[in-house]
Amino acid sequence: MLETRVTDIEDTHSESLYQLTRSSAGCRIETGQLIDGVNQMSRGMELIMERLGIPPLQFTPLARATEAEIDAALDADC
């Protein structure tokens, strides 16, 4: 009985970790796509403003978080 329960817990834990890993991977992909899209849009706005003779705004390119930034964010939450 106990062995069956332990196996059930291990299976549930493994499935939860798998789902969390998949969700995290999906978020990373989507975030990367959003960052790339925003950077392209910013460059497009700069070109439009330049063509219209409007002084262009300086858009700071977005970048993915570095491992050090991720570690610092995790440490700050603890």
PDB file of N, CA and C in Angstrom:
ATOM      1  N   MET A   1       0.820  -1.188   0.000  1.00  0.00           N
ATOM      2  CA  MET A   1       0.000   0.000   0.000  1.00  0.00           C
ATOM      3  C   MET A   1       0.871   1.261   0.000  1.00  0.00           C
ATOM      4  N   LEU A   2       1.858   1.315   0.893  1.00  0.00           N
ATOM      5  CA  LEU A   2       2.744   2.475   0.981  1.00  0.00           C
ATOM      6  C   LEU A   2       3.573   2.615  -0.297  1.00  0.00           C
ATOM      7  N   GLU A   3       4.041   1.497  -0.819  1.00  0.00           N
ATOM      8  CA  GLU A   3       4.837   1.528  -2.044  1.00  0.00           C
ATOM      9  C   GLU A   3       4.017   2.081  -3.208  1.00  0.00           C
ATOM     10  N   THR A   4       2.767   1.694  -3.291  1.00  0.00           N
ATOM     11  CA  THR A   4       1.881   2.197  -4.344  1.00  0.00           C
ATOM     12  C   THR A   4       1.690   3.700  -4.201  1.00  0.00           C
ATOM     13  N   ARG A   5       1.504   4.158  -2.977  1.00  0.00           N
ATOM     14  CA  ARG A   5       1.303   5.593  -2.719  1.00  0.00           C
ATOM     15  C   ARG A   5       2.555   6.385  -3.080  1.00  0.00           C
ATOM     16  N   VAL A   6       3.728   5.863  -2.726  1.00  0.00           N
ATOM     17  CA  VAL A   6       4.989   6.535  -3.058  1.00  0.00           C
ATOM     18  C   VAL A   6       5.148   6.614  -4.572  1.00  0.00           C
ATOM     19  N   THR A   7       4.829   5.540  -5.265  1.00  0.00           N
ATOM     20  CA  THR A   7       4.905   5.529  -6.725  1.00  0.00           C
ATOM     21  C   THR A   7       3.956   6.564  -7.318  1.00  0.00           C
ATOM     22  N   ASP A   8       2.745   6.657  -6.775  1.00  0.00           N
ATOM     23  CA  ASP A   8       1.777   7.655  -7.246  1.00  0.00           C
ATOM     24  C   ASP A   8       2.308   9.076  -7.054  1.00  0.00           C
ATOM     25  N   ILE A   9       2.897   9.322  -5.896  1.00  0.00           N
ATOM     26  CA  ILE A   9       3.454  10.651  -5.615  1.00  0.00           C
ATOM     27  C   ILE A   9       4.604  10.959  -6.569  1.00  0.00           C
ATOM     28  N   GLU A  10       5.481   9.985  -6.788  1.00  0.00           N
ATOM     29  CA  GLU A  10       6.603  10.187  -7.706  1.00  0.00           C
ATOM     30  C   GLU A  10       6.106  10.467  -9.118  1.00  0.00           C
ATOM     31  N   ASP A  11       5.105   9.723  -9.569  1.00  0.00           N
ATOM     32  CA  ASP A  11       4.553   9.930 -10.909  1.00  0.00           C
ATOM     33  C   ASP A  11       3.919  11.312 -11.037  1.00  0.00           C
ATOM     34  N   THR A  12       3.156  11.703 -10.026  1.00  0.00           N
ATOM     35  CA  THR A  12       2.508  13.011 -10.043  1.00  0.00           C
ATOM     36  C   THR A  12       3.552  14.123 -10.027  1.00  0.00           C
ATOM     37  N   HIS A  13       4.587  13.956  -9.213  1.00  0.00           N
ATOM     38  CA  HIS A  13       5.664  14.945  -9.128  1.00  0.00           C
ATOM     39  C   HIS A  13       6.382  15.063 -10.467  1.00  0.00           C
ATOM     40  N   SER A  14       6.686  13.940 -11.084  1.00  0.00           N
ATOM     41  CA  SER A  14       7.370  13.951 -12.382  1.00  0.00           C
ATOM     42  C   SER A  14       6.515  14.639 -13.436  1.00  0.00           C
ATOM     43  N   GLU A  15       5.226  14.350 -13.442  1.00  0.00           N
ATOM     44  CA  GLU A  15       4.317  14.974 -14.408  1.00  0.00           C
ATOM     45  C   GLU A  15       4.226  16.478 -14.169  1.00  0.00           C
ATOM     46  N   SER A  16       4.185  16.892 -12.908  1.00  0.00           N
ATOM     47  CA  SER A  16       4.131  18.321 -12.581  1.00  0.00           C
ATOM     48  C   SER A  16       5.398  19.033 -13.053  1.00  0.00           C
ATOM     49  N   LEU A  17       6.554  18.420 -12.822  1.00  0.00           N
ATOM     50  CA  LEU A  17       7.812  19.014 -13.277  1.00  0.00           C
ATOM     51  C   LEU A  17       7.860  19.101 -14.798  1.00  0.00           C
ATOM     52  N   TYR A  18       7.362  18.069 -15.466  1.00  0.00           N
ATOM     53  CA  TYR A  18       7.335  18.070 -16.927  1.00  0.00           C
ATOM     54  C   TYR A  18       6.460  19.213 -17.437  1.00  0.00           C
ATOM     55  N   GLN A  19       5.267  19.370 -16.861  1.00  0.00           N
ATOM     56  CA  GLN A  19       4.363  20.439 -17.281  1.00  0.00           C
ATOM     57  C   GLN A  19       4.975  21.811 -17.005  1.00  0.00           C
ATOM     58  N   LEU A  20       5.624  21.964 -15.869  1.00  0.00           N
ATOM     59  CA  LEU A  20       6.277  23.227 -15.526  1.00  0.00           C
ATOM     60  C   LEU A  20       7.413  23.530 -16.504  1.00  0.00           C
ATOM     61  N   THR A  21       8.185  22.524 -16.854  1.00  0.00           N
ATOM     62  CA  THR A  21       9.277  22.696 -17.806  1.00  0.00           C
ATOM     63  C   THR A  21       8.742  23.095 -19.176  1.00  0.00           C
ATOM     64  N   ARG A  22       7.674  22.433 -19.621  1.00  0.00           N
ATOM     65  CA  ARG A  22       7.056  22.787 -20.906  1.00  0.00           C
ATOM     66  C   ARG A  22       6.531  24.220 -20.891  1.00  0.00           C
ATOM     67  N   SER A  23       5.879  24.586 -19.807  1.00  0.00           N
ATOM     68  CA  SER A  23       5.335  25.936 -19.686  1.00  0.00           C
ATOM     69  C   SER A  23       6.454  26.977 -19.714  1.00  0.00           C
ATOM     70  N   SER A  24       7.522  26.701 -19.002  1.00  0.00           N
ATOM     71  CA  SER A  24       8.668  27.611 -18.966  1.00  0.00           C
ATOM     72  C   SER A  24       9.294  27.754 -20.354  1.00  0.00           C
ATOM     73  N   ALA A  25       9.450  26.641 -21.055  1.00  0.00           N
ATOM     74  CA  ALA A  25      10.025  26.684 -22.405  1.00  0.00           C
ATOM     75  C   ALA A  25       9.136  27.503 -23.333  1.00  0.00           C
ATOM     76  N   GLY A  26       7.829  27.312 -23.222  1.00  0.00           N
ATOM     77  CA  GLY A  26       6.894  28.082 -24.042  1.00  0.00           C
ATOM     78  C   GLY A  26       6.994  29.572 -23.756  1.00  0.00           C
ATOM     79  N   CYS A  27       7.093  29.920 -22.485  1.00  0.00           N
ATOM     80  CA  CYS A  27       7.227  31.335 -22.101  1.00  0.00           C
ATOM     81  C   CYS A  27       8.512  31.934 -22.655  1.00  0.00           C
ATOM     82  N   ARG A  28       9.585  31.174 -22.609  1.00  0.00           N
ATOM     83  CA  ARG A  28      10.862  31.680 -23.135  1.00  0.00           C
ATOM     84  C   ARG A  28      10.783  31.915 -24.646  1.00  0.00           C
ATOM     85  N   ILE A  29      10.164  31.000 -25.352  1.00  0.00           N
ATOM     86  CA  ILE A  29      10.017  31.159 -26.804  1.00  0.00           C
ATOM     87  C   ILE A  29       9.167  32.380 -27.114  1.00  0.00           C
ATOM     88  N   GLU A  30       8.019  32.493 -26.445  1.00  0.00           N
ATOM     89  CA  GLU A  30       7.114  33.612 -26.694  1.00  0.00           C
ATOM     90  C   GLU A  30       7.749  34.943 -26.309  1.00  0.00           C
ATOM     91  N   THR A  31       8.476  34.974 -25.208  1.00  0.00           N
ATOM     92  CA  THR A  31       9.146  36.203 -24.787  1.00  0.00           C
ATOM     93  C   THR A  31      10.188  36.616 -25.816  1.00  0.00           C
ATOM     94  N   GLY A  32      10.947  35.655 -26.317  1.00  0.00           N
ATOM     95  CA  GLY A  32      11.933  35.952 -27.353  1.00  0.00           C
ATOM     96  C   GLY A  32      11.286  36.512 -28.605  1.00  0.00           C
ATOM     97  N   GLN A  33      10.151  35.936 -28.999  1.00  0.00           N
ATOM     98  CA  GLN A  33       9.433  36.431 -30.170  1.00  0.00           C
ATOM     99  C   GLN A  33       8.916  37.847 -29.936  1.00  0.00           C
ATOM    100  N   LEU A  34       8.402  38.114 -28.742  1.00  0.00           N
ATOM    101  CA  LEU A  34       7.919  39.462 -28.421  1.00  0.00           C
ATOM    102  C   LEU A  34       9.054  40.479 -28.432  1.00  0.00           C
ATOM    103  N   ILE A  35      10.189  40.112 -27.853  1.00  0.00           N
ATOM    104  CA  ILE A  35      11.343  41.014 -27.839  1.00  0.00           C
ATOM    105  C   ILE A  35      11.783  41.325 -29.263  1.00  0.00           C
ATOM    106  N   ASP A  36      11.890  40.301 -30.092  1.00  0.00           N
ATOM    107  CA  ASP A  36      12.292  40.514 -31.483  1.00  0.00           C
ATOM    108  C   ASP A  36      11.291  41.404 -32.213  1.00  0.00           C
ATOM    109  N   GLY A  37       9.999  41.169 -31.985  1.00  0.00           N
ATOM    110  CA  GLY A  37       8.957  41.968 -32.637  1.00  0.00           C
ATOM    111  C   GLY A  37       8.995  43.425 -32.208  1.00  0.00           C
ATOM    112  N   VAL A  38       9.163  43.673 -30.920  1.00  0.00           N
ATOM    113  CA  VAL A  38       9.234  45.053 -30.418  1.00  0.00           C
ATOM    114  C   VAL A  38      10.460  45.757 -30.992  1.00  0.00           C
ATOM    115  N   ASN A  39      11.580  45.071 -31.052  1.00  0.00           N
ATOM    116  CA  ASN A  39      12.789  45.682 -31.610  1.00  0.00           C
ATOM    117  C   ASN A  39      12.607  46.013 -33.088  1.00  0.00           C
ATOM    118  N   GLN A  40      11.947  45.145 -33.845  1.00  0.00           N
ATOM    119  CA  GLN A  40      11.682  45.425 -35.259  1.00  0.00           C
ATOM    120  C   GLN A  40      10.732  46.607 -35.409  1.00  0.00           C
ATOM    121  N   MET A  41       9.711  46.655 -34.559  1.00  0.00           N
ATOM    122  CA  MET A  41       8.760  47.746 -34.617  1.00  0.00           C
ATOM    123  C   MET A  41       9.438  49.077 -34.266  1.00  0.00           C
ATOM    124  N   SER A  42      10.319  49.047 -33.288  1.00  0.00           N
ATOM    125  CA  SER A  42      11.044  50.263 -32.904  1.00  0.00           C
ATOM    126  C   SER A  42      11.884  50.776 -34.066  1.00  0.00           C
ATOM    127  N   ARG A  43      12.563  49.867 -34.725  1.00  0.00           N
ATOM    128  CA  ARG A  43      13.386  50.262 -35.881  1.00  0.00           C
ATOM    129  C   ARG A  43      12.503  50.815 -36.992  1.00  0.00           C
ATOM    130  N   GLY A  44      11.352  50.208 -37.211  1.00  0.00           N
ATOM    131  CA  GLY A  44      10.418  50.709 -38.219  1.00  0.00           C
ATOM    132  C   GLY A  44       9.925  52.109 -37.888  1.00  0.00           C
ATOM    133  N   MET A  45       9.623  52.356 -36.623  1.00  0.00           N
ATOM    134  CA  MET A  45       9.178  53.688 -36.200  1.00  0.00           C
ATOM    135  C   MET A  45      10.279  54.718 -36.424  1.00  0.00           C
ATOM    136  N   GLU A  46      11.508  54.351 -36.131  1.00  0.00           N
ATOM    137  CA  GLU A  46      12.628  55.263 -36.354  1.00  0.00           C
ATOM    138  C   GLU A  46      12.737  55.626 -37.836  1.00  0.00           C
ATOM    139  N   LEU A  47      12.582  54.637 -38.714  1.00  0.00           N
ATOM    140  CA  LEU A  47      12.672  54.893 -40.154  1.00  0.00           C
ATOM    141  C   LEU A  47      11.521  55.770 -40.638  1.00  0.00           C
ATOM    142  N   ILE A  48      10.314  55.526 -40.140  1.00  0.00           N
ATOM    143  CA  ILE A  48       9.154  56.347 -40.519  1.00  0.00           C
ATOM    144  C   ILE A  48       9.373  57.791 -40.075  1.00  0.00           C
ATOM    145  N   MET A  49       9.809  57.973 -38.840  1.00  0.00           N
ATOM    146  CA  MET A  49      10.040  59.321 -38.324  1.00  0.00           C
ATOM    147  C   MET A  49      11.125  60.031 -39.131  1.00  0.00           C
ATOM    148  N   GLU A  50      12.164  59.296 -39.474  1.00  0.00           N
ATOM    149  CA  GLU A  50      13.248  59.868 -40.275  1.00  0.00           C
ATOM    150  C   GLU A  50      12.722  60.326 -41.631  1.00  0.00           C
ATOM    151  N   ARG A  51      11.903  59.496 -42.268  1.00  0.00           N
ATOM    152  CA  ARG A  51      11.355  59.815 -43.579  1.00  0.00           C
ATOM    153  C   ARG A  51      10.416  61.016 -43.534  1.00  0.00           C
ATOM    154  N   LEU A  52       9.702  61.171 -42.430  1.00  0.00           N
ATOM    155  CA  LEU A  52       8.775  62.293 -42.273  1.00  0.00           C
ATOM    156  C   LEU A  52       9.475  63.561 -41.786  1.00  0.00           C
ATOM    157  N   GLY A  53      10.762  63.463 -41.542  1.00  0.00           N
ATOM    158  CA  GLY A  53      11.517  64.621 -41.082  1.00  0.00           C
ATOM    159  C   GLY A  53      11.311  64.935 -39.612  1.00  0.00           C
ATOM    160  N   ILE A  54      10.811  63.981 -38.880  1.00  0.00           N
ATOM    161  CA  ILE A  54      10.604  64.149 -37.443  1.00  0.00           C
ATOM    162  C   ILE A  54      11.860  63.645 -36.737  1.00  0.00           C
ATOM    163  N   PRO A  55      12.356  64.420 -35.775  1.00  0.00           N
ATOM    164  CA  PRO A  55      13.519  63.909 -35.038  1.00  0.00           C
ATOM    165  C   PRO A  55      13.167  62.561 -34.390  1.00  0.00           C
ATOM    166  N   PRO A  56      13.923  61.546 -34.711  1.00  0.00           N
ATOM    167  CA  PRO A  56      13.565  60.216 -34.197  1.00  0.00           C
ATOM    168  C   PRO A  56      13.785  60.091 -32.692  1.00  0.00           C
ATOM    169  N   LEU A  57      12.902  59.356 -32.077  1.00  0.00           N
ATOM    170  CA  LEU A  57      13.076  58.996 -30.677  1.00  0.00           C
ATOM    171  C   LEU A  57      14.094  57.867 -30.618  1.00  0.00           C
ATOM    172  N   GLN A  58      14.849  57.835 -29.576  1.00  0.00           N
ATOM    173  CA  GLN A  58      15.804  56.751 -29.407  1.00  0.00           C
ATOM    174  C   GLN A  58      15.136  55.631 -28.616  1.00  0.00           C
ATOM    175  N   PHE A  59      14.892  54.525 -29.283  1.00  0.00           N
ATOM    176  CA  PHE A  59      14.303  53.364 -28.633  1.00  0.00           C
ATOM    177  C   PHE A  59      15.435  52.454 -28.168  1.00  0.00           C
ATOM    178  N   THR A  60      15.430  52.139 -26.910  1.00  0.00           N
ATOM    179  CA  THR A  60      16.434  51.222 -26.382  1.00  0.00           C
ATOM    180  C   THR A  60      16.034  49.800 -26.755  1.00  0.00           C
ATOM    181  N   PRO A  61      16.902  49.086 -27.466  1.00  0.00           N
ATOM    182  CA  PRO A  61      16.554  47.708 -27.837  1.00  0.00           C
ATOM    183  C   PRO A  61      16.333  46.844 -26.599  1.00  0.00           C
ATOM    184  N   LEU A  62      15.340  45.993 -26.683  1.00  0.00           N
ATOM    185  CA  LEU A  62      15.084  45.041 -25.605  1.00  0.00           C
ATOM    186  C   LEU A  62      16.018  43.852 -25.771  1.00  0.00           C
ATOM    187  N   ALA A  63      16.315  43.202 -24.673  1.00  0.00           N
ATOM    188  CA  ALA A  63      17.181  42.022 -24.708  1.00  0.00           C
ATOM    189  C   ALA A  63      16.650  40.978 -23.741  1.00  0.00           C
ATOM    190  N   ARG A  64      16.959  39.746 -24.035  1.00  0.00           N
ATOM    191  CA  ARG A  64      16.579  38.656 -23.134  1.00  0.00           C
ATOM    192  C   ARG A  64      17.385  38.766 -21.839  1.00  0.00           C
ATOM    193  N   ALA A  65      16.812  38.291 -20.769  1.00  0.00           N
ATOM    194  CA  ALA A  65      17.501  38.324 -19.476  1.00  0.00           C
ATOM    195  C   ALA A  65      18.730  37.421 -19.518  1.00  0.00           C
ATOM    196  N   THR A  66      19.791  37.892 -18.888  1.00  0.00           N
ATOM    197  CA  THR A  66      21.001  37.075 -18.792  1.00  0.00           C
ATOM    198  C   THR A  66      20.844  36.102 -17.623  1.00  0.00           C
ATOM    199  N   GLU A  67      21.705  35.113 -17.583  1.00  0.00           N
ATOM    200  CA  GLU A  67      21.674  34.158 -16.473  1.00  0.00           C
ATOM    201  C   GLU A  67      21.905  34.874 -15.145  1.00  0.00           C
ATOM    202  N   ALA A  68      22.798  35.867 -15.139  1.00  0.00           N
ATOM    203  CA  ALA A  68      23.075  36.622 -13.909  1.00  0.00           C
ATOM    204  C   ALA A  68      21.834  37.391 -13.451  1.00  0.00           C
ATOM    205  N   GLU A  69      21.098  37.979 -14.396  1.00  0.00           N
ATOM    206  CA  GLU A  69      19.867  38.701 -14.038  1.00  0.00           C
ATOM    207  C   GLU A  69      18.808  37.754 -13.485  1.00  0.00           C
ATOM    208  N   ILE A  70      18.715  36.583 -14.069  1.00  0.00           N
ATOM    209  CA  ILE A  70      17.756  35.582 -13.586  1.00  0.00           C
ATOM    210  C   ILE A  70      18.131  35.143 -12.175  1.00  0.00           C
ATOM    211  N   ASP A  71      19.422  34.863 -11.962  1.00  0.00           N
ATOM    212  CA  ASP A  71      19.885  34.460 -10.628  1.00  0.00           C
ATOM    213  C   ASP A  71      19.604  35.547  -9.597  1.00  0.00           C
ATOM    214  N   ALA A  72      19.860  36.801  -9.965  1.00  0.00           N
ATOM    215  CA  ALA A  72      19.628  37.915  -9.039  1.00  0.00           C
ATOM    216  C   ALA A  72      18.146  38.045  -8.706  1.00  0.00           C
ATOM    217  N   ALA A  73      17.282  37.866  -9.700  1.00  0.00           N
ATOM    218  CA  ALA A  73      15.839  37.948  -9.457  1.00  0.00           C
ATOM    219  C   ALA A  73      15.379  36.824  -8.538  1.00  0.00           C
ATOM    220  N   LEU A  74      15.907  35.626  -8.747  1.00  0.00           N
ATOM    221  CA  LEU A  74      15.542  34.500  -7.884  1.00  0.00           C
ATOM    222  C   LEU A  74      16.053  34.706  -6.463  1.00  0.00           C
ATOM    223  N   ASP A  75      17.264  35.234  -6.335  1.00  0.00           N
ATOM    224  CA  ASP A  75      17.831  35.500  -5.008  1.00  0.00           C
ATOM    225  C   ASP A  75      17.037  36.576  -4.269  1.00  0.00           C
ATOM    226  N   ALA A  76      16.539  37.564  -5.003  1.00  0.00           N
ATOM    227  CA  ALA A  76      15.779  38.655  -4.384  1.00  0.00           C
ATOM    228  C   ALA A  76      14.444  38.163  -3.840  1.00  0.00           C
ATOM    229  N   ASP A  77      13.870  37.141  -4.460  1.00  0.00           N
ATOM    230  CA  ASP A  77      12.582  36.604  -4.015  1.00  0.00           C
ATOM    231  C   ASP A  77      12.709  35.724  -2.783  1.00  0.00           C
ATOM    232  N   CYS A  78      13.907  35.213  -2.523  1.00  0.00           N
ATOM    233  CA  CYS A  78      14.088  34.281  -1.401  1.00  0.00           C
ATOM    234  C   CYS A  78      14.250  34.976  -0.082  1.00  0.00           C
TER     235      CYS A  78
END
